[in-house]
C-alpha atoms as a PDB file:
ATOM      1  CA  UNK A   1      20.750 -14.995   2.288  1.00  0.00           C
ATOM      2  CA  UNK A   2      23.174 -13.317  -0.143  1.00  0.00           C
ATOM      3  CA  UNK A   3      25.213 -10.314   0.929  1.00  0.00           C
ATOM      4  CA  UNK A   4      23.317  -7.154  -0.078  1.00  0.00           C
ATOM      5  CA  UNK A   5      25.193  -3.842  -0.231  1.00  0.00           C
ATOM      6  CA  UNK A   6      23.034  -0.714  -0.233  1.00  0.00           C
ATOM      7  CA  UNK A   7      23.980   2.563  -1.908  1.00  0.00           C
ATOM      8  CA  UNK A   8      22.311   5.929  -1.323  1.00  0.00           C
ATOM      9  CA  UNK A   9      23.283   8.995  -3.360  1.00  0.00           C
ATOM     10  CA  UNK A  10      22.439  12.143  -1.393  1.00  0.00           C
ATOM     11  CA  UNK A  11      22.375  15.818  -2.337  1.00  0.00           C
ATOM     12  CA  UNK A  12      21.399  18.250   0.412  1.00  0.00           C
ATOM     13  CA  UNK A  13      19.195  15.472   1.766  1.00  0.00           C
ATOM     14  CA  UNK A  14      19.775  16.204   5.451  1.00  0.00           C
ATOM     15  CA  UNK A  15      16.029  16.440   6.192  1.00  0.00           C
ATOM     16  CA  UNK A  16      15.430  12.772   5.310  1.00  0.00           C
ATOM     17  CA  UNK A  17      18.800  11.060   5.148  1.00  0.00           C
ATOM     18  CA  UNK A  18      18.952   9.845   8.755  1.00  0.00           C
ATOM     19  CA  UNK A  19      15.463   8.316   8.573  1.00  0.00           C
ATOM     20  CA  UNK A  20      16.292   6.752   5.189  1.00  0.00           C
ATOM     21  CA  UNK A  21      19.603   5.301   6.419  1.00  0.00           C
ATOM     22  CA  UNK A  22      18.119   3.961   9.646  1.00  0.00           C
ATOM     23  CA  UNK A  23      15.331   2.240   7.700  1.00  0.00           C
ATOM     24  CA  UNK A  24      17.873   0.683   5.326  1.00  0.00           C
ATOM     25  CA  UNK A  25      20.049  -0.584   8.175  1.00  0.00           C
ATOM     26  CA  UNK A  26      16.998  -2.011   9.966  1.00  0.00           C
ATOM     27  CA  UNK A  27      16.004  -3.889   6.797  1.00  0.00           C
ATOM     28  CA  UNK A  28      18.854  -6.343   7.293  1.00  0.00           C
ATOM     29  CA  UNK A  29      21.222  -5.360   4.478  1.00  0.00           C
ATOM     30  CA  UNK A  30      24.839  -6.308   5.069  1.00  0.00           C
ATOM     31  CA  UNK A  31      26.481  -2.947   4.332  1.00  0.00           C
ATOM     32  CA  UNK A  32      25.393   0.561   3.387  1.00  0.00           C
ATOM     33  CA  UNK A  33      27.277   3.249   1.488  1.00  0.00           C
ATOM     34  CA  UNK A  34      26.146   6.871   1.305  1.00  0.00           C
ATOM     35  CA  UNK A  35      27.666   9.067  -1.373  1.00  0.00           C
ATOM     36  CA  UNK A  36      27.242  12.814  -0.728  1.00  0.00           C
ATOM     37  CA  UNK A  37      27.052  14.689  -4.041  1.00  0.00           C
ATOM     38  CA  UNK A  38      26.848  18.118  -2.412  1.00  0.00           C
ATOM     39  CA  UNK A  39      29.895  20.214  -1.526  1.00  0.00           C
ATOM     40  CA  UNK A  40      28.028  21.465   1.562  1.00  0.00           C
ATOM     41  CA  UNK A  41      28.430  18.126   3.338  1.00  0.00           C
ATOM     42  CA  UNK A  42      25.107  18.593   5.130  1.00  0.00           C
ATOM     43  CA  UNK A  43      24.076  14.970   4.676  1.00  0.00           C
ATOM     44  CA  UNK A  44      27.421  13.804   6.073  1.00  0.00           C
ATOM     45  CA  UNK A  45      26.994  16.062   9.082  1.00  0.00           C
ATOM     46  CA  UNK A  46      23.494  14.732   9.736  1.00  0.00           C
ATOM     47  CA  UNK A  47      24.746  11.130   9.595  1.00  0.00           C
ATOM     48  CA  UNK A  48      27.236  11.576  12.425  1.00  0.00           C
ATOM     49  CA  UNK A  49      24.323  10.675  14.701  1.00  0.00           C
ATOM     50  CA  UNK A  50      24.080   7.179  13.164  1.00  0.00           C
ATOM     51  CA  UNK A  51      26.414   4.731  14.865  1.00  0.00           C
ATOM     52  CA  UNK A  52      26.567   1.522  12.843  1.00  0.00           C
ATOM     53  CA  UNK A  53      29.703  -0.207  11.595  1.00  0.00           C
ATOM     54  CA  UNK A  54      27.877  -1.233   8.411  1.00  0.00           C
ATOM     55  CA  UNK A  55      27.576   2.428   7.330  1.00  0.00           C
ATOM     56  CA  UNK A  56      30.247   4.043   5.140  1.00  0.00           C
ATOM     57  CA  UNK A  57      29.906   7.704   4.098  1.00  0.00           C
ATOM     58  CA  UNK A  58      31.871   8.944   1.081  1.00  0.00           C
ATOM     59  CA  UNK A  59      32.242  12.180  -0.897  1.00  0.00           C
ATOM     60  CA  UNK A  60      34.688  14.163  -3.018  1.00  0.00           C
ATOM     61  CA  UNK A  61      32.676  17.384  -2.786  1.00  0.00           C
ATOM     62  CA  UNK A  62      31.492  17.217  -6.408  1.00  0.00           C
ATOM     63  CA  UNK A  63      28.015  16.564  -7.794  1.00  0.00           C
ATOM     64  CA  UNK A  64      28.373  13.658 -10.215  1.00  0.00           C
ATOM     65  CA  UNK A  65      24.647  13.058 -10.632  1.00  0.00           C
ATOM     66  CA  UNK A  66      22.816   9.901  -9.587  1.00  0.00           C
ATOM     67  CA  UNK A  67      24.630   7.346 -11.732  1.00  0.00           C
ATOM     68  CA  UNK A  68      27.963   9.074 -11.285  1.00  0.00           C
ATOM     69  CA  UNK A  69      27.630   8.885  -7.501  1.00  0.00           C
ATOM     70  CA  UNK A  70      26.829   5.177  -7.657  1.00  0.00           C
ATOM     71  CA  UNK A  71      29.795   4.564  -9.952  1.00  0.00           C
ATOM     72  CA  UNK A  72      32.166   6.219  -7.516  1.00  0.00           C
ATOM     73  CA  UNK A  73      31.005   3.977  -4.700  1.00  0.00           C
ATOM     74  CA  UNK A  74      31.550   0.961  -6.963  1.00  0.00           C
ATOM     75  CA  UNK A  75      35.057   2.216  -7.754  1.00  0.00           C
ATOM     76  CA  UNK A  76      35.772   2.223  -4.015  1.00  0.00           C
ATOM     77  CA  UNK A  77      34.728  -1.438  -3.959  1.00  0.00           C
ATOM     78  CA  UNK A  78      31.617  -3.069  -2.489  1.00  0.00           C
ATOM     79  CA  UNK A  79      31.150  -6.537  -1.053  1.00  0.00           C
ATOM     80  CA  UNK A  80      28.552  -9.139  -1.870  1.00  0.00           C
ATOM     81  CA  UNK A  81      26.468 -10.439  -4.741  1.00  0.00           C
ATOM     82  CA  UNK A  82      23.664  -7.886  -4.850  1.00  0.00           C
ATOM     83  CA  UNK A  83      23.365  -4.092  -4.845  1.00  0.00           C
ATOM     84  CA  UNK A  84      20.336  -2.224  -3.520  1.00  0.00           C
ATOM     85  CA  UNK A  85      20.123   1.357  -4.771  1.00  0.00           C
ATOM     86  CA  UNK A  86      17.941   3.524  -2.520  1.00  0.00           C
ATOM     87  CA  UNK A  87      16.891   7.124  -3.083  1.00  0.00           C
ATOM     88  CA  UNK A  88      17.322   9.377  -0.024  1.00  0.00           C
ATOM     89  CA  UNK A  89      13.541   9.853  -0.040  1.00  0.00           C
ATOM     90  CA  UNK A  90      12.798   6.115  -0.110  1.00  0.00           C
ATOM     91  CA  UNK A  91      12.276   3.908   2.944  1.00  0.00           C
ATOM     92  CA  UNK A  92      12.876   0.178   2.603  1.00  0.00           C
ATOM     93  CA  UNK A  93      11.815  -2.598   4.968  1.00  0.00           C
ATOM     94  CA  UNK A  94      12.889  -6.175   5.637  1.00  0.00           C
ATOM     95  CA  UNK A  95       9.970  -7.313   3.486  1.00  0.00           C
ATOM     96  CA  UNK A  96      11.157  -5.206   0.542  1.00  0.00           C
ATOM     97  CA  UNK A  97      14.720  -6.538   0.797  1.00  0.00           C
ATOM     98  CA  UNK A  98      13.563 -10.154   1.205  1.00  0.00           C
ATOM     99  CA  UNK A  99      11.129  -9.983  -1.732  1.00  0.00           C
ATOM    100  CA  UNK A 100      13.693  -8.372  -4.025  1.00  0.00           C
ATOM    101  CA  UNK A 101      16.402 -10.820  -2.980  1.00  0.00           C
ATOM    102  CA  UNK A 102      14.112 -13.777  -3.702  1.00  0.00           C
ATOM    103  CA  UNK A 103      13.772 -12.585  -7.303  1.00  0.00           C
ATOM    104  CA  UNK A 104      17.456 -13.370  -7.837  1.00  0.00           C
ATOM    105  CA  UNK A 105      17.060 -17.085  -7.195  1.00  0.00           C
ATOM    106  CA  UNK A 106      16.348 -16.987 -10.937  1.00  0.00           C
ATOM    107  CA  UNK A 107      19.804 -16.837 -12.561  1.00  0.00           C
ATOM    108  CA  UNK A 108      18.416 -14.756 -15.431  1.00  0.00           C
ATOM    109  CA  UNK A 109      17.068 -12.003 -13.158  1.00  0.00           C
ATOM    110  CA  UNK A 110      19.396  -9.026 -13.522  1.00  0.00           C
ATOM    111  CA  UNK A 111      17.489  -6.015 -12.178  1.00  0.00           C
ATOM    112  CA  UNK A 112      14.459  -5.725  -9.874  1.00  0.00           C
ATOM    113  CA  UNK A 113      12.396  -3.096  -8.084  1.00  0.00           C
ATOM    114  CA  UNK A 114       9.349  -3.041  -5.781  1.00  0.00           C
ATOM    115  CA  UNK A 115       6.136  -1.145  -6.353  1.00  0.00           C
ATOM    116  CA  UNK A 116       6.267   2.540  -5.432  1.00  0.00           C
ATOM    117  CA  UNK A 117       3.875   3.959  -2.842  1.00  0.00           C
ATOM    118  CA  UNK A 118       3.444   7.576  -1.828  1.00  0.00           C
ATOM    119  CA  UNK A 119       2.593   8.684   1.690  1.00  0.00           C
ATOM    120  CA  UNK A 120      -1.057   9.315   0.709  1.00  0.00           C
ATOM    121  CA  UNK A 121      -1.374   5.683  -0.396  1.00  0.00           C
ATOM    122  CA  UNK A 122      -1.324   6.358  -4.130  1.00  0.00           C
ATOM    123  CA  UNK A 123       0.920   4.366  -6.444  1.00  0.00           C
ATOM    124  CA  UNK A 124       3.816   5.764  -8.428  1.00  0.00           C
ATOM    125  CA  UNK A 125       5.229   4.358 -11.651  1.00  0.00           C
ATOM    126  CA  UNK A 126       8.073   2.032 -10.657  1.00  0.00           C
ATOM    127  CA  UNK A 127       8.548   0.399 -14.046  1.00  0.00           C
ATOM    128  CA  UNK A 128       6.829  -0.709 -17.211  1.00  0.00           C
ATOM    129  CA  UNK A 129       7.246  -0.399 -20.973  1.00  0.00           C
ATOM    130  CA  UNK A 130      10.070   1.638 -22.457  1.00  0.00           C
ATOM    131  CA  UNK A 131       9.446   5.405 -22.751  1.00  0.00           C
ATOM    132  CA  UNK A 132       6.975   6.460 -25.409  1.00  0.00           C
ATOM    133  CA  UNK A 133       7.106   9.792 -27.229  1.00  0.00           C
ATOM    134  CA  UNK A 134       3.315  10.061 -26.875  1.00  0.00           C
ATOM    135  CA  UNK A 135       3.541   9.523 -23.110  1.00  0.00           C
ATOM    136  CA  UNK A 136       6.202  12.236 -22.786  1.00  0.00           C
ATOM    137  CA  UNK A 137       4.034  14.673 -24.775  1.00  0.00           C
ATOM    138  CA  UNK A 138       1.033  13.941 -22.533  1.00  0.00           C
ATOM    139  CA  UNK A 139       3.195  14.398 -19.430  1.00  0.00           C
ATOM    140  CA  UNK A 140       4.748  17.661 -20.646  1.00  0.00           C
ATOM    141  CA  UNK A 141       1.371  19.233 -21.282  1.00  0.00           C
ATOM    142  CA  UNK A 142      -0.143  17.636 -18.144  1.00  0.00           C
ATOM    143  CA  UNK A 143      -3.012  16.148 -20.127  1.00  0.00           C
ATOM    144  CA  UNK A 144      -3.896  13.739 -17.306  1.00  0.00           C
ATOM    145  CA  UNK A 145      -3.827  16.354 -14.530  1.00  0.00           C
ATOM    146  CA  UNK A 146      -7.599  16.782 -14.296  1.00  0.00           C
ATOM    147  CA  UNK A 147      -8.615  13.338 -15.508  1.00  0.00           C
ATOM    148  CA  UNK A 148     -10.766  11.047 -13.343  1.00  0.00           C
ATOM    149  CA  UNK A 149      -8.779   8.060 -12.029  1.00  0.00           C
ATOM    150  CA  UNK A 150     -10.678   5.554 -14.187  1.00  0.00           C
ATOM    151  CA  UNK A 151      -9.917   7.488 -17.362  1.00  0.00           C
ATOM    152  CA  UNK A 152      -6.288   7.913 -16.313  1.00  0.00           C
ATOM    153  CA  UNK A 153      -5.991   4.138 -15.808  1.00  0.00           C
ATOM    154  CA  UNK A 154      -7.392   3.541 -19.300  1.00  0.00           C
ATOM    155  CA  UNK A 155      -4.889   5.989 -20.736  1.00  0.00           C
ATOM    156  CA  UNK A 156      -1.991   4.237 -18.983  1.00  0.00           C
ATOM    157  CA  UNK A 157      -3.276   0.946 -20.336  1.00  0.00           C
ATOM    158  CA  UNK A 158      -2.426   2.139 -23.853  1.00  0.00           C
ATOM    159  CA  UNK A 159       1.315   2.037 -23.147  1.00  0.00           C
ATOM    160  CA  UNK A 160       2.460  -1.582 -23.319  1.00  0.00           C
ATOM    161  CA  UNK A 161       5.731  -3.496 -23.235  1.00  0.00           C
ATOM    162  CA  UNK A 162       7.030  -4.783 -26.546  1.00  0.00           C
ATOM    163  CA  UNK A 163       8.241  -7.882 -24.680  1.00  0.00           C
ATOM    164  CA  UNK A 164       5.131  -9.219 -22.983  1.00  0.00           C
ATOM    165  CA  UNK A 165       2.279  -6.765 -23.563  1.00  0.00           C
ATOM    166  CA  UNK A 166       2.236  -5.571 -19.934  1.00  0.00           C
ATOM    167  CA  UNK A 167       0.984  -1.991 -19.610  1.00  0.00           C
ATOM    168  CA  UNK A 168       1.867   0.822 -17.250  1.00  0.00           C
ATOM    169  CA  UNK A 169      -1.540   0.253 -15.629  1.00  0.00           C
ATOM    170  CA  UNK A 170      -0.564  -3.391 -14.966  1.00  0.00           C
ATOM    171  CA  UNK A 171       2.614  -2.217 -13.243  1.00  0.00           C
ATOM    172  CA  UNK A 172       0.587  -0.264 -10.670  1.00  0.00           C
ATOM    173  CA  UNK A 173      -1.426  -3.257  -9.474  1.00  0.00           C
ATOM    174  CA  UNK A 174      -0.138  -5.485  -6.614  1.00  0.00           C
ATOM    175  CA  UNK A 175       0.311  -9.121  -7.582  1.00  0.00           C
ATOM    176  CA  UNK A 176       2.992 -11.566  -8.614  1.00  0.00           C
ATOM    177  CA  UNK A 177       6.350 -10.287  -9.954  1.00  0.00           C
ATOM    178  CA  UNK A 178       6.321  -9.528 -13.673  1.00  0.00           C
ATOM    179  CA  UNK A 179       8.945  -8.997 -16.347  1.00  0.00           C
ATOM    180  CA  UNK A 180       9.004  -5.403 -17.620  1.00  0.00           C
ATOM    181  CA  UNK A 181      11.186  -3.286 -19.901  1.00  0.00           C
ATOM    182  CA  UNK A 182      12.585  -1.098 -17.123  1.00  0.00           C
ATOM    183  CA  UNK A 183      12.291  -0.372 -13.410  1.00  0.00           C
ATOM    184  CA  UNK A 184      12.891   2.801 -11.429  1.00  0.00           C
ATOM    185  CA  UNK A 185      16.152   3.615  -9.664  1.00  0.00           C
ATOM    186  CA  UNK A 186      14.177   4.876  -6.657  1.00  0.00           C
ATOM    187  CA  UNK A 187      14.701   1.394  -5.158  1.00  0.00           C
ATOM    188  CA  UNK A 188      16.558  -0.903  -7.529  1.00  0.00           C
ATOM    189  CA  UNK A 189      18.388  -4.184  -6.893  1.00  0.00           C
ATOM    190  CA  UNK A 190      21.021  -5.453  -9.330  1.00  0.00           C
ATOM    191  CA  UNK A 191      23.628  -8.174  -9.544  1.00  0.00           C
ATOM    192  CA  UNK A 192      27.117  -6.899  -8.697  1.00  0.00           C
ATOM    193  CA  UNK A 193      28.685  -8.956 -11.500  1.00  0.00           C
ATOM    194  CA  UNK A 194      26.190  -7.483 -13.981  1.00  0.00           C
ATOM    195  CA  UNK A 195      27.135  -3.956 -12.903  1.00  0.00           C
ATOM    196  CA  UNK A 196      30.778  -4.882 -13.486  1.00  0.00           C
ATOM    197  CA  UNK A 197      29.946  -6.180 -16.959  1.00  0.00           C
ATOM    198  CA  UNK A 198      27.984  -3.018 -17.789  1.00  0.00           C
ATOM    199  CA  UNK A 199      30.710  -0.826 -16.248  1.00  0.00           C
ATOM    200  CA  UNK A 200      28.123   0.899 -14.086  1.00  0.00           C
ATOM    201  CA  UNK A 201      25.788   3.692 -15.082  1.00  0.00           C
ATOM    202  CA  UNK A 202      26.244   5.782 -18.202  1.00  0.00           C
ATOM    203  CA  UNK A 203      27.408   9.168 -16.903  1.00  0.00           C
ATOM    204  CA  UNK A 204      26.096  10.982 -19.964  1.00  0.00           C
ATOM    205  CA  UNK A 205      22.921  11.010 -17.851  1.00  0.00           C
ATOM    206  CA  UNK A 206      23.068  13.385 -14.908  1.00  0.00           C
ATOM    207  CA  UNK A 207      19.647  12.650 -13.436  1.00  0.00           C
ATOM    208  CA  UNK A 208      16.659  10.714 -14.860  1.00  0.00           C
ATOM    209  CA  UNK A 209      16.573   7.965 -17.501  1.00  0.00           C
ATOM    210  CA  UNK A 210      19.869   6.418 -16.374  1.00  0.00           C
ATOM    211  CA  UNK A 211      17.719   3.703 -14.782  1.00  0.00           C
ATOM    212  CA  UNK A 212      15.900   3.051 -18.070  1.00  0.00           C
ATOM    213  CA  UNK A 213      19.221   2.984 -19.897  1.00  0.00           C
ATOM    214  CA  UNK A 214      20.839   0.443 -17.573  1.00  0.00           C
ATOM    215  CA  UNK A 215      17.773  -1.798 -17.809  1.00  0.00           C
ATOM    216  CA  UNK A 216      18.058  -1.712 -21.610  1.00  0.00           C
ATOM    217  CA  UNK A 217      21.710  -2.679 -21.373  1.00  0.00           C
ATOM    218  CA  UNK A 218      20.958  -5.455 -18.862  1.00  0.00           C
ATOM    219  CA  UNK A 219      18.325  -6.870 -21.220  1.00  0.00           C
ATOM    220  CA  UNK A 220      20.841  -6.718 -24.067  1.00  0.00           C
ATOM    221  CA  UNK A 221      23.037  -9.034 -21.951  1.00  0.00           C
ATOM    222  CA  UNK A 222      20.174 -11.544 -21.786  1.00  0.00           C
ATOM    223  CA  UNK A 223      18.952 -10.675 -18.268  1.00  0.00           C
ATOM    224  CA  UNK A 224      15.359 -10.052 -17.226  1.00  0.00           C
ATOM    225  CA  UNK A 225      14.114  -6.903 -15.517  1.00  0.00           C
ATOM    226  CA  UNK A 226      11.558  -7.684 -12.811  1.00  0.00           C
ATOM    227  CA  UNK A 227       8.928  -5.560 -11.099  1.00  0.00           C
ATOM    228  CA  UNK A 228       8.244  -7.257  -7.736  1.00  0.00           C
ATOM    229  CA  UNK A 229       4.559  -6.397  -7.335  1.00  0.00           C
ATOM    230  CA  UNK A 230       4.373  -8.483  -4.147  1.00  0.00           C
ATOM    231  CA  UNK A 231       6.005  -5.678  -2.131  1.00  0.00           C
ATOM    232  CA  UNK A 232       6.212  -1.876  -2.129  1.00  0.00           C
ATOM    233  CA  UNK A 233       8.537   0.826  -0.820  1.00  0.00           C
ATOM    234  CA  UNK A 234       7.501   4.247   0.450  1.00  0.00           C
ATOM    235  CA  UNK A 235       8.728   7.071  -1.781  1.00  0.00           C
ATOM    236  CA  UNK A 236       8.430  10.747  -0.911  1.00  0.00           C
ATOM    237  CA  UNK A 237       8.948  13.698  -3.227  1.00  0.00           C
ATOM    238  CA  UNK A 238      12.697  13.921  -3.541  1.00  0.00           C
ATOM    239  CA  UNK A 239      14.467  16.676  -1.673  1.00  0.00           C
ATOM    240  CA  UNK A 240      17.495  16.055  -3.883  1.00  0.00           C
ATOM    241  CA  UNK A 241      15.730  16.470  -7.210  1.00  0.00           C
ATOM    242  CA  UNK A 242      13.658  19.402  -5.987  1.00  0.00           C
ATOM    243  CA  UNK A 243      16.804  21.259  -5.011  1.00  0.00           C
ATOM    244  CA  UNK A 244      18.504  20.368  -8.287  1.00  0.00           C
ATOM    245  CA  UNK A 245      15.616  21.330 -10.580  1.00  0.00           C
ATOM    246  CA  UNK A 246      13.520  18.288 -11.483  1.00  0.00           C
ATOM    247  CA  UNK A 247      11.954  19.463 -14.746  1.00  0.00           C
ATOM    248  CA  UNK A 248      15.221  20.712 -16.229  1.00  0.00           C
ATOM    249  CA  UNK A 249      17.086  17.503 -15.383  1.00  0.00           C
ATOM    250  CA  UNK A 250      14.176  15.320 -16.499  1.00  0.00           C
ATOM    251  CA  UNK A 251      14.135  16.671 -20.043  1.00  0.00           C
ATOM    252  CA  UNK A 252      17.923  16.736 -20.186  1.00  0.00           C
ATOM    253  CA  UNK A 253      17.887  13.027 -19.280  1.00  0.00           C
ATOM    254  CA  UNK A 254      15.162  12.285 -21.798  1.00  0.00           C
ATOM    255  CA  UNK A 255      17.167  14.076 -24.487  1.00  0.00           C
ATOM    256  CA  UNK A 256      20.215  11.893 -23.794  1.00  0.00           C
ATOM    257  CA  UNK A 257      18.066   8.753 -23.770  1.00  0.00           C
ATOM    258  CA  UNK A 258      16.294   9.543 -27.037  1.00  0.00           C
ATOM    259  CA  UNK A 259      19.521  10.395 -28.831  1.00  0.00           C
ATOM    260  CA  UNK A 260      21.032   7.081 -27.710  1.00  0.00           C
ATOM    261  CA  UNK A 261      18.032   4.814 -28.207  1.00  0.00           C
ATOM    262  CA  UNK A 262      15.431   6.651 -30.309  1.00  0.00           C
ATOM    263  CA  UNK A 263      14.888   6.594 -34.068  1.00  0.00           C
ATOM    264  CA  UNK A 264      15.701   9.591 -36.270  1.00  0.00           C
ATOM    265  CA  UNK A 265      11.961  10.134 -36.726  1.00  0.00           C
ATOM    266  CA  UNK A 266      11.349  10.163 -32.960  1.00  0.00           C
ATOM    267  CA  UNK A 267      14.200  12.618 -32.446  1.00  0.00           C
ATOM    268  CA  UNK A 268      12.838  14.928 -35.161  1.00  0.00           C
ATOM    269  CA  UNK A 269       9.333  14.815 -33.670  1.00  0.00           C
ATOM    270  CA  UNK A 270      10.646  15.424 -30.145  1.00  0.00           C
ATOM    271  CA  UNK A 271      12.596  18.446 -31.363  1.00  0.00           C
ATOM    272  CA  UNK A 272       9.526  19.889 -33.064  1.00  0.00           C
ATOM    273  CA  UNK A 273       7.518  19.438 -29.848  1.00  0.00           C
ATOM    274  CA  UNK A 274      10.177  21.078 -27.675  1.00  0.00           C
ATOM    275  CA  UNK A 275      11.004  17.893 -25.748  1.00  0.00           C
ATOM    276  CA  UNK A 276      14.725  17.839 -26.519  1.00  0.00           C
ATOM    277  CA  UNK A 277      17.252  20.054 -24.813  1.00  0.00           C
END
């Protein structure tokens, strides 16, 4: 089994960080780095209870955002062939790590993620086709909030990958691993050498859409992005993003993404609809 180094970026995540770290260590990964983005150091304090030589806790007291935190761990140096990025509200298992690792027996696999499950058993979107302006409009105005599940599934089926025709609805269904346009950073595995080639995450993103961006850049290098639908990881509502202001950061991230990867027409339409910050 290849050496897998885990990275968790925390921000005032003391309520969940110990449980998250213990789950990651029990999953069989070779080493685990926690970067504390908060100046309070509460996550670091909580982790003093965890005694495991594989755990390294780092911080410089500054909030660098999700990608920025990961980059700083990489600058410190990590061992192994694979990276597993884990949100502080995500709990991985041996099955998740094994299934993701098996994806990389394909030399063209560059990025992978499991399905996302919430505590109530519902599925979250862990990957799929690249962001659509229509989807962002529907999300902003919460068009699907009161829709029956069947109608919501049909709506998600409209958004399909340009690469293989897979829809968001397809990405919610357990099955064999599939190639998608992007996968979520909630639980993302990548090749270490690919991260070196890409020079890590783009720090123009503070929070949100940096995962979509890095998948685009991985694909541009000829690698595939895989959604491993044969396993799933538990994902809770993030304490980090709630504290930091999810909606504000989401649209800030979308604005950066659209300006980097969108057309002039899409940017103009997004501005007129109030989607750009």
